[in-house]
Amino acid sequence: MNRFEQALTPYMDRRVLAAWVGGSHAHGLARPDSDIDLHLVLAPEPDDILLGRTDRTKGLHGPDITITTPIPLLTGLAKGAPNTLEALSLPNDCLLLDAGLLHMLAPLAGRLTSRNTIDMALGNVKGNLHLLARDGLDERKRRKLQGETMRLLASIGHVTAGRDTDTPWPCRLDADLDVLREIREHGMDDAELAAQLPDMLAYASSRRLHAPDRKTIRETERLVAGLMKGLVDGTTATFPMESVPAMLEIRSRMRPHTS
């Protein structure tokens, strides 16, 4: 975990609202050599909140760390972005720290999952298929991309099948893990994978989800605003940054990488 400590050294004076492991580990598809994707939501300083300087996101590489503040998280949820909604459905083994941010938003996950979510996921599928059609993609990356594409298609099917019950966008598809792990390990035929897209487009179109719900978005905004107000008046709990590598170390000891 030293590399995470080193990467986070410039941020050691910051406080943390939430931290989690995303990517293949959160999806249940990690291999022993899979990198850890770390996500952090930092608590803005009271001065930054009062001066409107709270919309910040930064990506670090080697290791992969995404550092953001509550406003970009709120923006992603309001748009129905699948990769943001995943944070509200995390498996317990991937949630490292939460000062209440994700916990308070999780009940809204189903209502925030909208037709925008499906459209974005379908767009990601099309982009992945375009990449798979290129020459020169090494086999490991190809299998990973195939597994991710199939995961997106399965997630779309899962959500649209439960459209009347406000099914949230899933992070880990337990019922499909064996198939997805097999693809990740051994790959599949690109043409067979691409052939599934027209059927999924037709299925999703026939079971069109609701449009983004302004009432739910306003409720989400109200919850985040309350948390930000608590940061100004000192009533919102936070964690010290040094807790993050410590929790990663505990996780690595308690749960070996999925093979």
Protein backbone atom coordinates (compact mmCIF):
# COMPACT_ATOMS: atom_id res chain seq x y z
CA MET A 1 0.00 0.00 0.00
CA ASN A 2 3.02 2.33 0.04
CA ARG A 3 2.26 3.57 -3.45
CA PHE A 4 -1.18 4.77 -2.34
CA GLU A 5 0.34 6.53 0.65
CA GLN A 6 2.87 8.22 -1.62
CA ALA A 7 0.24 9.26 -4.15
CA LEU A 8 -1.98 10.71 -1.42
CA THR A 9 0.83 12.53 0.41
CA PRO A 10 -0.09 15.95 -1.08
CA TYR A 11 -3.63 15.48 0.26
CA MET A 12 -2.82 14.36 3.80
CA ASP A 13 -4.19 17.59 5.27
CA ARG A 14 -7.61 17.00 3.66
CA ARG A 15 -10.62 15.31 5.22
CA VAL A 16 -12.53 12.50 3.53
CA LEU A 17 -16.29 12.03 3.21
CA ALA A 18 -16.21 8.69 1.39
CA ALA A 19 -13.70 6.25 -0.06
CA TRP A 20 -14.31 3.09 -2.04
CA VAL A 21 -12.73 0.60 -4.42
CA GLY A 22 -14.28 0.58 -7.88
CA GLY A 23 -13.61 -1.04 -11.24
CA SER A 24 -13.13 -4.78 -11.60
CA HIS A 25 -12.84 -5.30 -7.83
CA ALA A 26 -16.25 -3.71 -7.24
CA HIS A 27 -17.71 -5.65 -10.18
CA GLY A 28 -16.42 -8.95 -8.79
CA LEU A 29 -14.26 -9.52 -11.88
CA ALA A 30 -10.77 -8.78 -10.56
CA ARG A 31 -7.87 -11.06 -11.33
CA PRO A 32 -4.86 -11.47 -9.02
CA ASP A 33 -2.98 -8.93 -11.15
CA SER A 34 -5.84 -6.42 -11.40
CA ASP A 35 -5.08 -2.87 -10.35
CA ILE A 36 -7.10 -1.21 -7.60
CA ASP A 37 -9.22 1.77 -8.65
CA LEU A 38 -9.59 4.03 -5.62
CA HIS A 39 -12.30 6.69 -5.43
CA LEU A 40 -12.30 9.50 -2.87
CA VAL A 41 -14.81 12.22 -2.10
CA LEU A 42 -13.04 15.00 -0.22
CA ALA A 43 -14.70 17.38 2.19
CA PRO A 44 -14.38 20.92 0.81
CA GLU A 45 -13.03 23.54 3.17
CA PRO A 46 -15.72 25.88 4.58
CA ASP A 47 -14.16 28.83 2.74
CA ASP A 48 -14.31 26.93 -0.56
CA ILE A 49 -17.99 26.13 0.04
CA LEU A 50 -18.87 29.75 0.79
CA LEU A 51 -16.90 30.99 -2.23
CA GLY A 52 -18.32 28.39 -4.63
CA ARG A 53 -15.06 26.50 -5.19
CA THR A 54 -16.31 22.98 -4.61
CA ASP A 55 -16.60 21.52 -8.13
CA ARG A 56 -13.29 19.71 -8.45
CA THR A 57 -12.19 16.34 -9.81
CA LYS A 58 -8.64 15.06 -10.30
CA GLY A 59 -7.38 11.75 -11.63
CA LEU A 60 -4.08 10.22 -10.55
CA HIS A 61 -2.36 7.31 -12.30
CA GLY A 62 0.00 4.68 -10.97
CA PRO A 63 -1.98 3.90 -8.80
CA ASP A 64 -5.37 4.82 -10.24
CA ILE A 65 -7.09 7.28 -7.90
CA THR A 66 -10.05 9.54 -8.61
CA ILE A 67 -10.32 12.46 -6.20
CA THR A 68 -13.51 14.49 -6.29
CA THR A 69 -15.81 16.64 -4.17
CA PRO A 70 -19.56 16.24 -3.52
CA ILE A 71 -20.68 18.52 -6.37
CA PRO A 72 -19.32 16.38 -9.26
CA LEU A 73 -20.79 13.32 -7.52
CA LEU A 74 -24.15 15.12 -7.36
CA THR A 75 -23.87 16.10 -11.03
CA GLY A 76 -23.22 12.50 -12.08
CA LEU A 77 -26.17 11.23 -10.05
CA ALA A 78 -28.49 13.89 -11.48
CA LYS A 79 -27.49 12.87 -15.00
CA GLY A 80 -28.04 9.20 -14.17
CA ALA A 81 -24.45 8.30 -15.05
CA PRO A 82 -23.97 4.52 -14.59
CA ASN A 83 -20.40 4.79 -13.26
CA THR A 84 -21.58 7.29 -10.62
CA LEU A 85 -24.70 5.34 -9.64
CA GLU A 86 -22.51 2.28 -8.99
CA ALA A 87 -21.21 4.04 -5.88
CA LEU A 88 -24.69 3.76 -4.33
CA SER A 89 -24.80 -0.03 -4.83
CA LEU A 90 -21.29 -0.98 -3.73
CA PRO A 91 -20.61 -4.41 -2.25
CA ASN A 92 -19.70 -4.12 1.42
CA ASP A 93 -16.15 -5.30 0.80
CA CYS A 94 -15.46 -2.32 -1.48
CA LEU A 95 -16.74 0.50 0.74
CA LEU A 96 -13.77 1.71 2.76
CA LEU A 97 -15.09 4.83 4.48
CA ASP A 98 -18.38 6.68 4.49
CA ALA A 99 -19.23 9.65 6.68
CA GLY A 100 -22.88 9.26 5.64
CA LEU A 101 -22.71 10.61 2.09
CA LEU A 102 -23.29 7.36 0.20
CA HIS A 103 -25.52 5.92 2.91
CA MET A 104 -27.97 8.82 2.75
CA LEU A 105 -28.09 8.80 -1.06
CA ALA A 106 -28.39 5.02 -1.51
CA PRO A 107 -32.22 4.92 -1.03
CA LEU A 108 -32.56 7.22 -4.05
CA ALA A 109 -30.49 5.01 -6.38
CA GLY A 110 -33.49 3.37 -8.06
CA ARG A 111 -35.25 6.64 -8.77
CA LEU A 112 -32.03 8.21 -10.08
CA THR A 113 -31.62 5.33 -12.54
CA SER A 114 -33.39 6.71 -15.61
CA ARG A 115 -33.54 6.38 -19.38
CA ASN A 116 -30.39 8.53 -19.43
CA THR A 117 -28.60 5.75 -17.55
CA ILE A 118 -29.53 3.18 -20.17
CA ASP A 119 -28.66 5.52 -23.04
CA MET A 120 -25.21 6.21 -21.55
CA ALA A 121 -24.59 2.51 -20.94
CA LEU A 122 -25.58 1.67 -24.52
CA GLY A 123 -23.25 4.40 -25.72
CA ASN A 124 -20.44 2.82 -23.72
CA VAL A 125 -21.22 -0.56 -25.26
CA LYS A 126 -21.01 0.91 -28.76
CA GLY A 127 -17.71 2.58 -27.91
CA ASN A 128 -16.29 -0.67 -26.57
CA LEU A 129 -17.34 -2.57 -29.68
CA HIS A 130 -15.63 0.07 -31.79
CA LEU A 131 -12.42 -0.45 -29.82
CA LEU A 132 -12.69 -4.23 -30.13
CA ALA A 133 -12.90 -3.87 -33.91
CA ARG A 134 -9.45 -2.27 -34.02
CA ASP A 135 -6.34 -4.22 -34.85
CA GLY A 136 -3.45 -4.49 -32.41
CA LEU A 137 -5.40 -4.82 -29.17
CA ASP A 138 -3.48 -7.19 -26.89
CA GLU A 139 -5.31 -10.28 -25.69
CA ARG A 140 -5.50 -9.31 -22.03
CA LYS A 141 -7.07 -5.94 -22.83
CA ARG A 142 -9.40 -7.59 -25.33
CA ARG A 143 -10.74 -10.05 -22.76
CA LYS A 144 -11.13 -7.28 -20.20
CA LEU A 145 -13.02 -5.10 -22.67
CA GLN A 146 -15.22 -8.01 -23.72
CA GLY A 147 -16.08 -8.74 -20.09
CA GLU A 148 -16.87 -5.09 -19.40
CA THR A 149 -19.08 -4.88 -22.50
CA MET A 150 -21.01 -7.98 -21.51
CA ARG A 151 -21.35 -6.62 -17.96
CA LEU A 152 -22.92 -3.44 -19.33
CA LEU A 153 -25.33 -5.42 -21.50
CA ALA A 154 -26.31 -7.62 -18.56
CA SER A 155 -26.81 -4.56 -16.34
CA ILE A 156 -29.04 -2.92 -18.96
CA GLY A 157 -31.14 -6.06 -19.12
CA HIS A 158 -31.31 -6.27 -15.33
CA VAL A 159 -32.50 -2.68 -14.92
CA THR A 160 -34.98 -2.58 -17.80
CA ALA A 161 -36.53 -5.90 -16.71
CA GLY A 162 -37.31 -4.31 -13.33
CA ARG A 163 -38.41 -0.93 -14.63
CA ASP A 164 -41.64 -0.88 -12.59
CA THR A 165 -39.81 -1.33 -9.28
CA ASP A 166 -37.19 1.44 -9.59
CA THR A 167 -34.37 -1.07 -9.90
CA PRO A 168 -31.05 0.71 -9.22
CA TRP A 169 -28.14 0.45 -11.61
CA PRO A 170 -26.12 -2.48 -10.21
CA CYS A 171 -22.48 -2.52 -9.27
CA ARG A 172 -22.02 -6.30 -8.97
CA LEU A 173 -24.21 -8.75 -10.86
CA ASP A 174 -24.02 -11.79 -8.59
CA ALA A 175 -26.23 -13.97 -10.81
CA ASP A 176 -23.99 -13.38 -13.83
CA LEU A 177 -20.56 -13.48 -12.19
CA ASP A 178 -19.61 -16.97 -13.35
CA VAL A 179 -20.30 -16.12 -17.00
CA LEU A 180 -18.58 -12.74 -16.76
CA ARG A 181 -15.52 -14.24 -15.07
CA GLU A 182 -15.31 -16.90 -17.79
CA ILE A 183 -15.28 -14.17 -20.43
CA ARG A 184 -12.70 -12.19 -18.50
CA GLU A 185 -10.49 -15.27 -18.25
CA HIS A 186 -10.93 -16.85 -21.69
CA GLY A 187 -12.62 -14.21 -23.85
CA MET A 188 -15.42 -14.62 -26.39
CA ASP A 189 -16.03 -14.10 -30.08
CA ASP A 190 -16.25 -10.38 -30.90
CA ALA A 191 -18.91 -10.97 -33.55
CA GLU A 192 -21.05 -12.91 -31.06
CA LEU A 193 -20.73 -10.06 -28.58
CA ALA A 194 -21.59 -7.40 -31.17
CA ALA A 195 -24.63 -9.39 -32.31
CA GLN A 196 -26.21 -8.90 -28.88
CA LEU A 197 -26.36 -5.11 -29.21
CA PRO A 198 -29.31 -4.87 -31.67
CA ASP A 199 -31.39 -7.19 -29.48
CA MET A 200 -30.57 -5.18 -26.37
CA LEU A 201 -31.38 -1.90 -28.15
CA ALA A 202 -34.78 -3.28 -29.13
CA TYR A 203 -35.42 -4.66 -25.65
CA ALA A 204 -34.45 -1.43 -23.90
CA SER A 205 -36.58 0.57 -26.33
CA SER A 206 -39.63 -1.60 -25.66
CA ARG A 207 -39.19 -1.19 -21.90
CA ARG A 208 -38.22 2.48 -21.85
CA LEU A 209 -37.35 3.75 -18.38
CA HIS A 210 -38.74 6.95 -16.93
CA ALA A 211 -37.15 10.31 -17.68
CA PRO A 212 -34.93 11.91 -15.00
CA ASP A 213 -37.19 12.70 -12.03
CA ARG A 214 -36.83 16.35 -11.06
CA LYS A 215 -38.34 15.72 -7.64
CA THR A 216 -35.77 13.04 -6.88
CA ILE A 217 -32.96 15.23 -8.20
CA ARG A 218 -34.10 18.08 -5.94
CA GLU A 219 -34.18 15.68 -2.99
CA THR A 220 -30.64 14.56 -3.84
CA GLU A 221 -29.54 18.21 -4.04
CA ARG A 222 -31.16 18.94 -0.68
CA LEU A 223 -29.31 16.07 1.01
CA VAL A 224 -25.96 17.14 -0.43
CA ALA A 225 -26.65 20.77 0.49
CA GLY A 226 -27.36 19.71 4.07
CA LEU A 227 -24.09 17.83 4.20
CA MET A 228 -22.21 20.85 2.84
CA LYS A 229 -23.89 23.10 5.39
CA GLY A 230 -22.70 20.70 8.08
CA LEU A 231 -19.14 21.07 6.81
CA VAL A 232 -19.42 24.83 7.29
CA ASP A 233 -20.84 24.65 10.80
CA GLY A 234 -18.75 21.65 11.85
CA THR A 235 -21.53 19.09 12.34
CA THR A 236 -20.72 16.81 9.37
CA ALA A 237 -18.35 13.97 10.31
CA THR A 238 -15.24 13.35 8.21
CA PHE A 239 -12.22 11.04 8.21
CA PRO A 240 -8.51 11.91 8.10
CA MET A 241 -6.78 11.07 4.82
CA GLU A 242 -4.39 8.65 6.55
CA SER A 243 -7.43 6.42 7.19
CA VAL A 244 -7.67 5.60 3.47
CA PRO A 245 -4.41 3.62 2.96
CA ALA A 246 -5.00 2.01 6.36
CA MET A 247 -8.43 0.76 5.24
CA LEU A 248 -6.98 -0.46 1.94
CA GLU A 249 -4.39 -2.45 3.87
CA ILE A 250 -7.09 -4.00 6.08
CA ARG A 251 -9.13 -4.89 3.01
CA SER A 252 -6.17 -6.54 1.27
CA ARG A 253 -5.56 -8.73 4.33
CA MET A 254 -9.17 -9.72 4.89
CA ARG A 255 -10.22 -10.39 1.29
CA PRO A 256 -7.84 -11.84 -1.28
CA HIS A 257 -8.17 -10.76 -4.90
CA THR A 258 -10.79 -12.60 -6.90
CA SER A 259 -9.27 -14.96 -9.43
